[in-house]
């Protein structure tokens, strides 16, 4: 079973629970989208109030919140190497222009 199928099963189970209106899952690592399409809430990183579309080949960060789509993500950084950890250590976003998680 893949992580994507685990997430789908968890989300499906949660949606069946009384009183649950919306289910989304935070990304656990920085990575690159391999399969799927979704919109991610990246406001923690960018301050952008609207979700940002992501598709295969796009980079994603471990602190984004997935919208309604399902993404299969190839991990590129975890723990101290991740963007969120870098921000916590440095106290700010790297000067990269538009948000781009580390490759």
Protein backbone atom coordinates (compact mmCIF):
# COMPACT_ATOMS: atom_id res chain seq x y z
CA UNK A 1 0.00 0.00 0.00
CA UNK A 2 1.33 3.45 -0.88
CA UNK A 3 1.17 6.58 1.25
CA UNK A 4 -1.31 8.05 -1.24
CA UNK A 5 -3.66 5.10 -0.83
CA UNK A 6 -3.31 5.27 2.99
CA UNK A 7 -4.25 8.96 2.94
CA UNK A 8 -7.20 8.26 0.66
CA UNK A 9 -8.45 5.55 3.04
CA UNK A 10 -8.04 7.82 6.07
CA UNK A 11 -9.83 10.71 4.34
CA UNK A 12 -12.68 8.44 3.18
CA UNK A 13 -13.13 7.03 6.68
CA UNK A 14 -13.10 10.48 8.27
CA UNK A 15 -15.65 11.85 5.78
CA UNK A 16 -18.08 9.13 6.88
CA UNK A 17 -18.00 10.32 10.49
CA UNK A 18 -20.98 12.40 11.67
CA UNK A 19 -20.20 16.10 11.85
CA UNK A 20 -17.11 15.97 9.59
CA UNK A 21 -17.61 18.42 6.76
CA UNK A 22 -14.11 18.70 5.29
CA UNK A 23 -10.97 16.57 5.41
CA UNK A 24 -7.48 17.53 4.28
CA UNK A 25 -4.05 16.20 5.08
CA UNK A 26 -0.83 18.12 5.72
CA UNK A 27 2.15 17.12 3.65
CA UNK A 28 4.78 15.49 5.82
CA UNK A 29 7.89 16.21 3.75
CA UNK A 30 9.26 18.49 1.08
CA UNK A 31 9.07 16.87 -2.32
CA UNK A 32 8.05 16.84 -5.95
CA UNK A 33 4.58 15.86 -7.17
CA UNK A 34 4.78 12.62 -9.15
CA UNK A 35 1.07 12.02 -9.71
CA UNK A 36 -2.19 13.83 -9.16
CA UNK A 37 -3.47 17.38 -9.02
CA UNK A 38 -4.61 19.44 -6.08
CA UNK A 39 -4.58 22.88 -4.53
CA UNK A 40 -2.37 23.43 -1.50
CA UNK A 41 -2.79 25.98 1.27
CA UNK A 42 0.72 27.42 1.64
CA UNK A 43 -0.23 30.44 3.77
CA UNK A 44 2.13 29.36 6.56
CA UNK A 45 5.03 29.84 4.14
CA UNK A 46 3.91 32.55 1.78
CA UNK A 47 1.03 34.37 3.42
CA UNK A 48 -0.98 33.70 0.25
CA UNK A 49 -4.63 33.43 1.23
CA UNK A 50 -5.70 31.39 -1.80
CA UNK A 51 -4.73 27.76 -2.40
CA UNK A 52 -2.07 27.22 -5.07
CA UNK A 53 -2.53 24.62 -7.84
CA UNK A 54 0.00 21.80 -7.86
CA UNK A 55 0.51 19.12 -10.52
CA UNK A 56 3.20 16.59 -11.54
CA UNK A 57 6.67 18.16 -11.55
CA UNK A 58 5.78 20.91 -9.04
CA UNK A 59 7.69 21.20 -5.77
CA UNK A 60 5.78 21.12 -2.50
CA UNK A 61 6.67 21.88 1.09
CA UNK A 62 6.06 19.79 4.18
CA UNK A 63 4.00 22.46 5.89
CA UNK A 64 1.40 22.89 3.13
CA UNK A 65 -2.14 21.63 3.63
CA UNK A 66 -3.63 19.57 0.82
CA UNK A 67 -7.00 20.57 -0.62
CA UNK A 68 -9.43 18.15 -2.23
CA UNK A 69 -7.07 16.40 -4.67
CA UNK A 70 -4.82 13.42 -4.12
CA UNK A 71 -1.07 13.79 -4.66
CA UNK A 72 1.71 11.23 -4.86
CA UNK A 73 4.86 13.07 -3.76
CA UNK A 74 8.49 11.93 -4.09
CA UNK A 75 10.31 13.04 -0.94
CA UNK A 76 13.29 15.36 -1.41
CA UNK A 77 13.87 16.60 2.16
CA UNK A 78 12.83 15.63 5.69
CA UNK A 79 13.55 16.88 9.19
CA UNK A 80 16.31 19.48 9.47
CA UNK A 81 16.76 19.55 5.68
CA UNK A 82 13.12 20.57 5.13
CA UNK A 83 12.03 24.11 4.32
CA UNK A 84 9.99 24.58 7.51
CA UNK A 85 13.00 23.60 9.64
CA UNK A 86 15.20 26.02 7.67
CA UNK A 87 12.70 28.81 8.32
CA UNK A 88 12.61 28.02 12.04
CA UNK A 89 16.41 28.09 12.24
CA UNK A 90 16.88 31.25 10.15
CA UNK A 91 13.72 33.01 11.26
CA UNK A 92 12.67 33.91 7.71
CA UNK A 93 12.09 32.57 4.21
CA UNK A 94 15.16 32.25 2.00
CA UNK A 95 15.47 35.03 -0.54
CA UNK A 96 14.29 33.01 -3.52
CA UNK A 97 11.83 35.41 -5.07
CA UNK A 98 8.64 33.40 -5.40
CA UNK A 99 8.38 30.47 -2.99
CA UNK A 100 10.43 27.46 -4.12
CA UNK A 101 11.16 24.63 -1.67
CA UNK A 102 14.76 23.37 -1.78
CA UNK A 103 15.49 20.83 -4.52
